[in-house]
Amino acid sequence: MWRCGAALCTTTSDQLVNFLKTQKPGFRLVFDQLAADSYWYIDLMKGMKAQLPYVVGNQEMAVTHVTMKCWNPTDHCTFYLS
């Protein structure tokens, strides 16, 4: 499993949203809390919730989206570009 490097663990929700906007439609990215610093992950999740629509759970979508998996599977969120 690839572990979160210093560059990724300093990424902000603004940067992640901008990255998603530059991807081809249907692009999918998955983050797993096991591979990240917990404080950074919680902050990133809060920022994403403030910026993008989301559904609770690990959802496959036809639109560009990012799934953030958490320790508790019921807390997984999938953020998508509308």
PDB file of N, CA and C in Angstrom:
ATOM      1  N   MET A   1       0.844  -1.175   0.000  1.00  0.00           N
ATOM      2  CA  MET A   1       0.000   0.000   0.000  1.00  0.00           C
ATOM      3  C   MET A   1       0.882   1.229   0.000  1.00  0.00           C
ATOM      4  N   TRP A   2       0.552   2.184  -0.822  1.00  0.00           N
ATOM      5  CA  TRP A   2       1.303   3.435  -0.880  1.00  0.00           C
ATOM      6  C   TRP A   2       0.877   4.300   0.287  1.00  0.00           C
ATOM      7  N   ARG A   3       1.826   4.845   0.998  1.00  0.00           N
ATOM      8  CA  ARG A   3       1.545   5.712   2.143  1.00  0.00           C
ATOM      9  C   ARG A   3       1.623   7.173   1.736  1.00  0.00           C
ATOM     10  N   CYS A   4       0.860   7.981   2.425  1.00  0.00           N
ATOM     11  CA  CYS A   4       0.778   9.407   2.140  1.00  0.00           C
ATOM     12  C   CYS A   4       2.135  10.068   2.311  1.00  0.00           C
ATOM     13  N   GLY A   5       2.629  10.670   1.257  1.00  0.00           N
ATOM     14  CA  GLY A   5       3.890  11.377   1.312  1.00  0.00           C
ATOM     15  C   GLY A   5       3.684  12.803   1.793  1.00  0.00           C
ATOM     16  N   ALA A   6       4.763  13.493   2.053  1.00  0.00           N
ATOM     17  CA  ALA A   6       4.699  14.855   2.584  1.00  0.00           C
ATOM     18  C   ALA A   6       3.923  15.788   1.658  1.00  0.00           C
ATOM     19  N   ALA A   7       4.091  15.642   0.354  1.00  0.00           N
ATOM     20  CA  ALA A   7       3.401  16.530  -0.583  1.00  0.00           C
ATOM     21  C   ALA A   7       1.894  16.326  -0.526  1.00  0.00           C
ATOM     22  N   LEU A   8       1.456  15.093  -0.496  1.00  0.00           N
ATOM     23  CA  LEU A   8       0.027  14.823  -0.459  1.00  0.00           C
ATOM     24  C   LEU A   8      -0.577  15.238   0.870  1.00  0.00           C
ATOM     25  N   CYS A   9       0.119  15.001   1.953  1.00  0.00           N
ATOM     26  CA  CYS A   9      -0.425  15.299   3.280  1.00  0.00           C
ATOM     27  C   CYS A   9      -0.439  16.784   3.610  1.00  0.00           C
ATOM     28  N   THR A  10      -0.015  17.607   2.692  1.00  0.00           N
ATOM     29  CA  THR A  10      -0.149  19.050   2.873  1.00  0.00           C
ATOM     30  C   THR A  10      -1.138  19.623   1.861  1.00  0.00           C
ATOM     31  N   THR A  11      -1.756  18.766   1.080  1.00  0.00           N
ATOM     32  CA  THR A  11      -2.736  19.189   0.094  1.00  0.00           C
ATOM     33  C   THR A  11      -3.981  19.708   0.804  1.00  0.00           C
ATOM     34  N   THR A  12      -4.519  20.816   0.308  1.00  0.00           N
ATOM     35  CA  THR A  12      -5.730  21.387   0.885  1.00  0.00           C
ATOM     36  C   THR A  12      -6.951  20.974   0.060  1.00  0.00           C
ATOM     37  N   SER A  13      -8.117  21.199   0.615  1.00  0.00           N
ATOM     38  CA  SER A  13      -9.337  20.887  -0.131  1.00  0.00           C
ATOM     39  C   SER A  13      -9.446  21.770  -1.378  1.00  0.00           C
ATOM     40  N   ASP A  14      -9.002  23.026  -1.296  1.00  0.00           N
ATOM     41  CA  ASP A  14      -9.009  23.896  -2.478  1.00  0.00           C
ATOM     42  C   ASP A  14      -8.154  23.298  -3.594  1.00  0.00           C
ATOM     43  N   GLN A  15      -6.975  22.829  -3.244  1.00  0.00           N
ATOM     44  CA  GLN A  15      -6.081  22.228  -4.233  1.00  0.00           C
ATOM     45  C   GLN A  15      -6.677  20.950  -4.817  1.00  0.00           C
ATOM     46  N   LEU A  16      -7.302  20.144  -3.974  1.00  0.00           N
ATOM     47  CA  LEU A  16      -7.887  18.893  -4.442  1.00  0.00           C
ATOM     48  C   LEU A  16      -9.065  19.168  -5.381  1.00  0.00           C
ATOM     49  N   VAL A  17      -9.902  20.127  -5.042  1.00  0.00           N
ATOM     50  CA  VAL A  17     -11.028  20.474  -5.921  1.00  0.00           C
ATOM     51  C   VAL A  17     -10.500  20.994  -7.257  1.00  0.00           C
ATOM     52  N   ASN A  18      -9.509  21.851  -7.241  1.00  0.00           N
ATOM     53  CA  ASN A  18      -8.925  22.358  -8.494  1.00  0.00           C
ATOM     54  C   ASN A  18      -8.333  21.221  -9.315  1.00  0.00           C
ATOM     55  N   PHE A  19      -7.667  20.270  -8.661  1.00  0.00           N
ATOM     56  CA  PHE A  19      -7.125  19.104  -9.352  1.00  0.00           C
ATOM     57  C   PHE A  19      -8.244  18.313 -10.025  1.00  0.00           C
ATOM     58  N   LEU A  20      -9.328  18.065  -9.307  1.00  0.00           N
ATOM     59  CA  LEU A  20     -10.445  17.301  -9.874  1.00  0.00           C
ATOM     60  C   LEU A  20     -11.031  18.006 -11.099  1.00  0.00           C
ATOM     61  N   LYS A  21     -11.106  19.324 -11.052  1.00  0.00           N
ATOM     62  CA  LYS A  21     -11.674  20.089 -12.161  1.00  0.00           C
ATOM     63  C   LYS A  21     -10.846  19.991 -13.434  1.00  0.00           C
ATOM     64  N   THR A  22      -9.578  19.643 -13.318  1.00  0.00           N
ATOM     65  CA  THR A  22      -8.723  19.548 -14.497  1.00  0.00           C
ATOM     66  C   THR A  22      -8.679  18.136 -15.081  1.00  0.00           C
ATOM     67  N   GLN A  23      -9.359  17.189 -14.451  1.00  0.00           N
ATOM     68  CA  GLN A  23      -9.335  15.808 -14.915  1.00  0.00           C
ATOM     69  C   GLN A  23     -10.427  15.554 -15.948  1.00  0.00           C
ATOM     70  N   LYS A  24     -10.254  14.484 -16.706  1.00  0.00           N
ATOM     71  CA  LYS A  24     -11.256  14.085 -17.687  1.00  0.00           C
ATOM     72  C   LYS A  24     -12.525  13.653 -16.961  1.00  0.00           C
ATOM     73  N   PRO A  25     -13.691  13.876 -17.584  1.00  0.00           N
ATOM     74  CA  PRO A  25     -14.941  13.426 -16.973  1.00  0.00           C
ATOM     75  C   PRO A  25     -14.881  11.931 -16.648  1.00  0.00           C
ATOM     76  N   GLY A  26     -15.361  11.588 -15.475  1.00  0.00           N
ATOM     77  CA  GLY A  26     -15.356  10.192 -15.046  1.00  0.00           C
ATOM     78  C   GLY A  26     -14.128   9.793 -14.243  1.00  0.00           C
ATOM     79  N   PHE A  27     -13.170  10.712 -14.077  1.00  0.00           N
ATOM     80  CA  PHE A  27     -11.975  10.431 -13.285  1.00  0.00           C
ATOM     81  C   PHE A  27     -12.389  10.050 -11.868  1.00  0.00           C
ATOM     82  N   ARG A  28     -11.692   9.064 -11.298  1.00  0.00           N
ATOM     83  CA  ARG A  28     -12.001   8.591  -9.947  1.00  0.00           C
ATOM     84  C   ARG A  28     -10.724   8.555  -9.123  1.00  0.00           C
ATOM     85  N   LEU A  29     -10.811   9.066  -7.899  1.00  0.00           N
ATOM     86  CA  LEU A  29      -9.696   9.061  -6.963  1.00  0.00           C
ATOM     87  C   LEU A  29     -10.212   8.519  -5.640  1.00  0.00           C
ATOM     88  N   VAL A  30      -9.412   7.667  -4.983  1.00  0.00           N
ATOM     89  CA  VAL A  30      -9.809   7.104  -3.696  1.00  0.00           C
ATOM     90  C   VAL A  30      -8.718   7.388  -2.677  1.00  0.00           C
ATOM     91  N   PHE A  31      -9.119   7.977  -1.549  1.00  0.00           N
ATOM     92  CA  PHE A  31      -8.234   8.185  -0.408  1.00  0.00           C
ATOM     93  C   PHE A  31      -8.654   7.229   0.685  1.00  0.00           C
ATOM     94  N   ASP A  32      -7.694   6.707   1.405  1.00  0.00           N
ATOM     95  CA  ASP A  32      -7.968   5.813   2.521  1.00  0.00           C
ATOM     96  C   ASP A  32      -7.328   6.398   3.765  1.00  0.00           C
ATOM     97  N   GLN A  33      -8.095   6.570   4.809  1.00  0.00           N
ATOM     98  CA  GLN A  33      -7.583   7.173   6.042  1.00  0.00           C
ATOM     99  C   GLN A  33      -6.410   6.389   6.613  1.00  0.00           C
ATOM    100  N   LEU A  34      -6.332   5.104   6.332  1.00  0.00           N
ATOM    101  CA  LEU A  34      -5.221   4.290   6.832  1.00  0.00           C
ATOM    102  C   LEU A  34      -3.881   4.763   6.289  1.00  0.00           C
ATOM    103  N   ALA A  35      -3.904   5.443   5.157  1.00  0.00           N
ATOM    104  CA  ALA A  35      -2.665   5.869   4.504  1.00  0.00           C
ATOM    105  C   ALA A  35      -2.334   7.333   4.762  1.00  0.00           C
ATOM    106  N   ALA A  36      -3.008   7.949   5.730  1.00  0.00           N
ATOM    107  CA  ALA A  36      -2.823   9.383   5.928  1.00  0.00           C
ATOM    108  C   ALA A  36      -2.778   9.751   7.400  1.00  0.00           C
ATOM    109  N   ASP A  37      -2.227  10.919   7.658  1.00  0.00           N
ATOM    110  CA  ASP A  37      -2.250  11.485   8.994  1.00  0.00           C
ATOM    111  C   ASP A  37      -3.698  11.821   9.345  1.00  0.00           C
ATOM    112  N   SER A  38      -4.181  11.396  10.509  1.00  0.00           N
ATOM    113  CA  SER A  38      -5.586  11.562  10.882  1.00  0.00           C
ATOM    114  C   SER A  38      -6.028  13.017  10.932  1.00  0.00           C
ATOM    115  N   TYR A  39      -5.193  13.906  11.473  1.00  0.00           N
ATOM    116  CA  TYR A  39      -5.582  15.320  11.576  1.00  0.00           C
ATOM    117  C   TYR A  39      -5.726  15.948  10.205  1.00  0.00           C
ATOM    118  N   TRP A  40      -4.789  15.667   9.325  1.00  0.00           N
ATOM    119  CA  TRP A  40      -4.874  16.187   7.956  1.00  0.00           C
ATOM    120  C   TRP A  40      -6.118  15.648   7.263  1.00  0.00           C
ATOM    121  N   TYR A  41      -6.376  14.366   7.437  1.00  0.00           N
ATOM    122  CA  TYR A  41      -7.495  13.719   6.767  1.00  0.00           C
ATOM    123  C   TYR A  41      -8.825  14.332   7.211  1.00  0.00           C
ATOM    124  N   ILE A  42      -8.971  14.564   8.509  1.00  0.00           N
ATOM    125  CA  ILE A  42     -10.199  15.154   9.040  1.00  0.00           C
ATOM    126  C   ILE A  42     -10.389  16.563   8.483  1.00  0.00           C
ATOM    127  N   ASP A  43      -9.327  17.355   8.458  1.00  0.00           N
ATOM    128  CA  ASP A  43      -9.412  18.709   7.895  1.00  0.00           C
ATOM    129  C   ASP A  43      -9.767  18.675   6.414  1.00  0.00           C
ATOM    130  N   LEU A  44      -9.150  17.755   5.674  1.00  0.00           N
ATOM    131  CA  LEU A  44      -9.440  17.637   4.247  1.00  0.00           C
ATOM    132  C   LEU A  44     -10.901  17.256   4.034  1.00  0.00           C
ATOM    133  N   MET A  45     -11.391  16.322   4.806  1.00  0.00           N
ATOM    134  CA  MET A  45     -12.783  15.883   4.691  1.00  0.00           C
ATOM    135  C   MET A  45     -13.732  17.050   4.975  1.00  0.00           C
ATOM    136  N   LYS A  46     -13.476  17.834   6.008  1.00  0.00           N
ATOM    137  CA  LYS A  46     -14.325  18.994   6.321  1.00  0.00           C
ATOM    138  C   LYS A  46     -14.313  20.003   5.173  1.00  0.00           C
ATOM    139  N   GLY A  47     -13.139  20.265   4.631  1.00  0.00           N
ATOM    140  CA  GLY A  47     -13.034  21.200   3.516  1.00  0.00           C
ATOM    141  C   GLY A  47     -13.776  20.722   2.280  1.00  0.00           C
ATOM    142  N   MET A  48     -13.684  19.433   2.010  1.00  0.00           N
ATOM    143  CA  MET A  48     -14.385  18.876   0.851  1.00  0.00           C
ATOM    144  C   MET A  48     -15.893  18.971   1.037  1.00  0.00           C
ATOM    145  N   LYS A  49     -16.372  18.711   2.254  1.00  0.00           N
ATOM    146  CA  LYS A  49     -17.813  18.802   2.528  1.00  0.00           C
ATOM    147  C   LYS A  49     -18.325  20.227   2.323  1.00  0.00           C
ATOM    148  N   ALA A  50     -17.476  21.207   2.568  1.00  0.00           N
ATOM    149  CA  ALA A  50     -17.872  22.605   2.397  1.00  0.00           C
ATOM    150  C   ALA A  50     -17.881  23.038   0.931  1.00  0.00           C
ATOM    151  N   GLN A  51     -17.179  22.295   0.067  1.00  0.00           N
ATOM    152  CA  GLN A  51     -17.017  22.748  -1.321  1.00  0.00           C
ATOM    153  C   GLN A  51     -17.767  21.952  -2.371  1.00  0.00           C
ATOM    154  N   LEU A  52     -17.985  20.680  -2.129  1.00  0.00           N
ATOM    155  CA  LEU A  52     -18.582  19.835  -3.164  1.00  0.00           C
ATOM    156  C   LEU A  52     -19.798  19.076  -2.636  1.00  0.00           C
ATOM    157  N   PRO A  53     -20.735  18.774  -3.543  1.00  0.00           N
ATOM    158  CA  PRO A  53     -21.817  17.878  -3.134  1.00  0.00           C
ATOM    159  C   PRO A  53     -21.225  16.493  -2.868  1.00  0.00           C
ATOM    160  N   TYR A  54     -21.890  15.739  -2.006  1.00  0.00           N
ATOM    161  CA  TYR A  54     -21.387  14.411  -1.695  1.00  0.00           C
ATOM    162  C   TYR A  54     -22.513  13.483  -1.283  1.00  0.00           C
ATOM    163  N   VAL A  55     -22.220  12.209  -1.335  1.00  0.00           N
ATOM    164  CA  VAL A  55     -23.100  11.175  -0.816  1.00  0.00           C
ATOM    165  C   VAL A  55     -22.303  10.372   0.196  1.00  0.00           C
ATOM    166  N   VAL A  56     -22.999   9.831   1.159  1.00  0.00           N
ATOM    167  CA  VAL A  56     -22.337   8.997   2.147  1.00  0.00           C
ATOM    168  C   VAL A  56     -22.178   7.608   1.546  1.00  0.00           C
ATOM    169  N   GLY A  57     -20.977   7.087   1.633  1.00  0.00           N
ATOM    170  CA  GLY A  57     -20.695   5.753   1.120  1.00  0.00           C
ATOM    171  C   GLY A  57     -19.681   5.772  -0.003  1.00  0.00           C
ATOM    172  N   ASN A  58     -19.269   4.603  -0.381  1.00  0.00           N
ATOM    173  CA  ASN A  58     -18.316   4.391  -1.469  1.00  0.00           C
ATOM    174  C   ASN A  58     -19.129   4.181  -2.736  1.00  0.00           C
ATOM    175  N   GLN A  59     -19.338   5.237  -3.502  1.00  0.00           N
ATOM    176  CA  GLN A  59     -20.211   5.201  -4.671  1.00  0.00           C
ATOM    177  C   GLN A  59     -19.399   5.295  -5.962  1.00  0.00           C
ATOM    178  N   GLU A  60     -19.690   4.432  -6.890  1.00  0.00           N
ATOM    179  CA  GLU A  60     -19.135   4.561  -8.241  1.00  0.00           C
ATOM    180  C   GLU A  60     -20.051   5.498  -9.015  1.00  0.00           C
ATOM    181  N   MET A  61     -19.472   6.477  -9.688  1.00  0.00           N
ATOM    182  CA  MET A  61     -20.264   7.454 -10.438  1.00  0.00           C
ATOM    183  C   MET A  61     -19.678   7.642 -11.823  1.00  0.00           C
ATOM    184  N   ALA A  62     -20.505   8.114 -12.730  1.00  0.00           N
ATOM    185  CA  ALA A  62     -20.048   8.382 -14.091  1.00  0.00           C
ATOM    186  C   ALA A  62     -19.357   9.736 -14.178  1.00  0.00           C
ATOM    187  N   VAL A  63     -19.487  10.558 -13.153  1.00  0.00           N
ATOM    188  CA  VAL A  63     -18.866  11.891 -13.136  1.00  0.00           C
ATOM    189  C   VAL A  63     -17.549  11.830 -12.368  1.00  0.00           C
ATOM    190  N   THR A  64     -16.745  12.858 -12.514  1.00  0.00           N
ATOM    191  CA  THR A  64     -15.487  12.952 -11.775  1.00  0.00           C
ATOM    192  C   THR A  64     -15.789  12.994 -10.290  1.00  0.00           C
ATOM    193  N   HIS A  65     -15.089  12.143  -9.524  1.00  0.00           N
ATOM    194  CA  HIS A  65     -15.370  12.087  -8.098  1.00  0.00           C
ATOM    195  C   HIS A  65     -14.175  11.575  -7.302  1.00  0.00           C
ATOM    196  N   VAL A  66     -14.226  11.836  -6.004  1.00  0.00           N
ATOM    197  CA  VAL A  66     -13.209  11.337  -5.080  1.00  0.00           C
ATOM    198  C   VAL A  66     -13.929  10.681  -3.911  1.00  0.00           C
ATOM    199  N   THR A  67     -13.516   9.471  -3.585  1.00  0.00           N
ATOM    200  CA  THR A  67     -14.062   8.770  -2.433  1.00  0.00           C
ATOM    201  C   THR A  67     -13.036   8.838  -1.313  1.00  0.00           C
ATOM    202  N   MET A  68     -13.514   9.227  -0.141  1.00  0.00           N
ATOM    203  CA  MET A  68     -12.644   9.288   1.031  1.00  0.00           C
ATOM    204  C   MET A  68     -13.120   8.225   2.013  1.00  0.00           C
ATOM    205  N   LYS A  69     -12.281   7.198   2.179  1.00  0.00           N
ATOM    206  CA  LYS A  69     -12.617   6.104   3.076  1.00  0.00           C
ATOM    207  C   LYS A  69     -12.093   6.411   4.477  1.00  0.00           C
ATOM    208  N   CYS A  70     -12.893   6.090   5.472  1.00  0.00           N
ATOM    209  CA  CYS A  70     -12.558   6.379   6.866  1.00  0.00           C
ATOM    210  C   CYS A  70     -12.434   5.085   7.663  1.00  0.00           C
ATOM    211  N   TRP A  71     -11.946   5.237   8.901  1.00  0.00           N
ATOM    212  CA  TRP A  71     -11.834   4.067   9.783  1.00  0.00           C
ATOM    213  C   TRP A  71     -13.175   3.361   9.880  1.00  0.00           C
ATOM    214  N   ASN A  72     -14.219   4.131  10.033  1.00  0.00           N
ATOM    215  CA  ASN A  72     -15.565   3.585  10.142  1.00  0.00           C
ATOM    216  C   ASN A  72     -16.203   3.607   8.753  1.00  0.00           C
ATOM    217  N   PRO A  73     -16.514   2.456   8.178  1.00  0.00           N
ATOM    218  CA  PRO A  73     -17.066   2.424   6.810  1.00  0.00           C
ATOM    219  C   PRO A  73     -18.332   3.248   6.635  1.00  0.00           C
ATOM    220  N   THR A  74     -19.088   3.479   7.697  1.00  0.00           N
ATOM    221  CA  THR A  74     -20.306   4.277   7.554  1.00  0.00           C
ATOM    222  C   THR A  74     -19.995   5.754   7.381  1.00  0.00           C
ATOM    223  N   ASP A  75     -18.728   6.149   7.582  1.00  0.00           N
ATOM    224  CA  ASP A  75     -18.307   7.537   7.408  1.00  0.00           C
ATOM    225  C   ASP A  75     -17.682   7.803   6.038  1.00  0.00           C
ATOM    226  N   HIS A  76     -17.581   6.788   5.181  1.00  0.00           N
ATOM    227  CA  HIS A  76     -17.049   7.016   3.835  1.00  0.00           C
ATOM    228  C   HIS A  76     -17.904   8.065   3.132  1.00  0.00           C
ATOM    229  N   CYS A  77     -17.264   8.934   2.362  1.00  0.00           N
ATOM    230  CA  CYS A  77     -17.988   9.943   1.572  1.00  0.00           C
ATOM    231  C   CYS A  77     -17.441   9.945   0.150  1.00  0.00           C
ATOM    232  N   THR A  78     -18.322  10.143  -0.797  1.00  0.00           N
ATOM    233  CA  THR A  78     -17.918  10.319  -2.185  1.00  0.00           C
ATOM    234  C   THR A  78     -18.331  11.717  -2.610  1.00  0.00           C
ATOM    235  N   PHE A  79     -17.331  12.535  -2.945  1.00  0.00           N
ATOM    236  CA  PHE A  79     -17.523  13.916  -3.379  1.00  0.00           C
ATOM    237  C   PHE A  79     -17.483  13.946  -4.899  1.00  0.00           C
ATOM    238  N   TYR A  80     -18.353  14.719  -5.516  1.00  0.00           N
ATOM    239  CA  TYR A  80     -18.411  14.711  -6.968  1.00  0.00           C
ATOM    240  C   TYR A  80     -18.581  16.106  -7.537  1.00  0.00           C
ATOM    241  N   LEU A  81     -18.117  16.256  -8.775  1.00  0.00           N
ATOM    242  CA  LEU A  81     -18.312  17.494  -9.522  1.00  0.00           C
ATOM    243  C   LEU A  81     -19.669  17.394 -10.207  1.00  0.00           C
ATOM    244  N   SER A  82     -20.473  18.410 -10.052  1.00  0.00           N
ATOM    245  CA  SER A  82     -21.803  18.362 -10.669  1.00  0.00           C
ATOM    246  C   SER A  82     -21.825  19.095 -11.980  1.00  0.00           C
TER     247      SER A  82
END
